[in-house]
Protein backbone atom coordinates (compact mmCIF):
# COMPACT_ATOMS: atom_id res chain seq x y z
CA VAL A 1 147.99 94.41 58.76
CA TRP A 2 151.16 95.93 58.91
CA ALA A 3 150.09 99.40 57.88
CA ASN A 4 147.18 99.14 60.86
CA MET A 5 149.98 97.97 63.39
CA ALA A 6 152.08 100.99 62.71
CA LYS A 7 148.70 103.22 62.95
CA THR A 8 147.97 101.49 66.35
CA SER A 9 151.70 102.08 67.78
CA ARG A 10 151.38 105.79 66.26
CA ALA A 11 148.22 105.86 68.58
CA LEU A 12 149.65 103.94 71.90
CA ALA A 13 152.64 106.45 71.53
CA ASP A 14 150.63 109.52 71.63
CA ARG A 15 148.20 108.03 74.72
CA LEU A 16 151.67 107.04 76.41
CA GLY A 17 153.75 110.61 75.79
CA GLY A 18 156.39 111.09 77.88
CA LEU A 19 155.72 108.54 80.60
CA GLN A 20 158.59 106.54 82.01
CA GLY A 21 158.99 103.88 85.21
CA GLU A 22 155.40 102.83 86.96
CA SER A 23 153.25 105.80 85.54
CA LEU A 24 153.98 104.12 82.09
CA THR A 25 153.64 100.37 82.87
CA ALA A 26 150.18 101.38 84.75
CA GLU A 27 149.24 103.42 81.63
CA ILE A 28 150.02 100.23 79.76
CA GLU A 29 148.22 97.92 82.34
CA SER A 30 145.12 100.37 81.77
CA VAL A 31 144.81 100.00 77.74
CA PHE A 32 145.37 96.32 78.66
CA PHE A 33 142.09 96.10 80.99
CA ALA A 34 140.35 98.40 78.99
CA ILE A 35 140.46 96.26 75.75
CA ASP A 36 139.79 93.37 77.73
CA GLN A 37 136.06 93.77 77.74
CA ASP A 38 135.32 90.10 79.39
CA GLU A 39 137.92 90.46 81.93
CA SER A 40 139.33 86.87 81.45
CA GLY A 41 142.62 88.26 81.26
CA SER A 42 143.47 88.08 77.97
CA ILE A 43 142.78 89.82 74.92
CA GLY A 44 141.36 87.90 71.75
CA ALA A 45 140.62 88.73 68.10
CA GLU A 46 137.09 89.97 68.59
CA GLU A 47 138.14 92.51 71.51
CA LEU A 48 141.36 93.59 69.87
CA GLY A 49 139.25 94.39 67.12
CA ALA A 50 136.80 96.37 68.83
CA ALA A 51 139.94 98.43 70.47
CA LEU A 52 141.25 99.23 67.18
CA GLU A 53 137.95 99.96 65.75
CA MET A 54 137.55 102.67 68.88
CA LEU A 55 141.08 104.34 68.08
CA GLY A 56 139.44 104.69 64.31
CA LEU A 57 141.09 101.52 62.71
CA ASN A 58 138.36 99.64 61.11
CA MET A 59 139.36 96.20 60.19
CA THR A 60 137.88 92.58 59.20
CA GLU A 61 138.31 89.52 62.08
CA ALA A 62 141.33 88.12 59.94
CA ALA A 63 143.16 90.94 60.28
CA ALA A 64 142.62 91.38 63.92
CA GLN A 65 143.71 87.67 64.08
CA GLU A 66 146.83 88.53 62.11
CA MET A 67 147.64 91.11 64.36
CA LEU A 68 147.01 89.00 67.51
CA LYS A 69 149.44 86.29 66.14
CA THR A 70 152.15 89.03 66.02
CA ILE A 71 151.49 89.88 70.07
CA ASP A 72 150.97 85.92 71.00
CA ASN A 73 154.52 84.70 71.94
CA ASN A 74 153.09 81.64 73.41
CA SER A 75 150.73 80.87 70.29
CA ASP A 76 147.72 80.27 72.79
CA GLY A 77 145.20 82.37 70.67
CA SER A 78 145.10 85.24 72.89
CA VAL A 79 147.31 88.01 74.46
CA ASP A 80 148.04 88.20 78.21
CA ILE A 81 149.04 91.12 80.08
CA HIS A 82 152.49 89.89 80.19
CA GLU A 83 152.80 89.76 76.03
CA PHE A 84 150.73 92.96 75.86
CA LYS A 85 153.59 94.91 77.84
CA LEU A 86 156.20 93.50 76.54
CA PHE A 87 154.80 94.17 73.15
CA ILE A 88 154.25 97.66 74.30
CA PHE A 89 157.65 98.03 75.15
CA SER A 90 159.40 96.22 72.41
CA LYS A 91 157.33 99.40 69.90
CA LEU A 92 158.73 102.17 72.47
CA ALA A 93 161.93 100.93 72.94
CA LYS A 94 162.14 100.73 68.90
CA ASP A 95 160.74 104.14 68.37
CA LYS A 96 162.85 105.81 71.10
CA ASN A 97 166.11 103.49 69.85
CA VAL A 98 166.87 102.38 73.14
CA PRO A 99 167.79 98.63 74.60
CA LEU A 100 164.23 96.84 75.32
CA ARG A 101 165.62 96.41 78.91
CA THR A 102 165.37 100.25 79.17
CA TYR A 103 161.75 99.05 79.83
CA VAL A 104 161.77 95.51 81.12
CA GLY A 105 164.67 95.51 83.17
CA ASP A 106 167.73 93.82 82.75
CA LYS A 107 169.22 91.94 79.67
CA GLU A 108 168.26 88.31 81.06
CA ASP A 109 164.52 89.52 81.98
CA ALA A 110 164.05 90.67 78.53
CA GLU A 111 165.35 87.42 77.23
CA SER A 112 163.34 85.27 79.36
CA GLU A 113 160.63 87.60 78.07
CA ALA A 114 161.10 87.48 74.48
């Protein structure tokens, strides 16, 4: 699972390149809505698995479910747009070694989302 998450992070980082601000947020939202095949406003394990497969990362449904759990902050079994953006912003902040608030606003906003 963790190896696939690392590959996923690299693939997203490649796609997001040097985007910042509103352009970055818009691209992340675009990725989310592309993954959300059923247009429910959330991503389930099946949709996540299908998206990862399109990136060339084949994994079992159980592995996709495990990955989903790491992103699903409210433990409702799916990932909504806010959880997805927080996950991506967290990965970008870690990769660039900058504070999360660089992407999500001030410290209080970042803590309330986490």
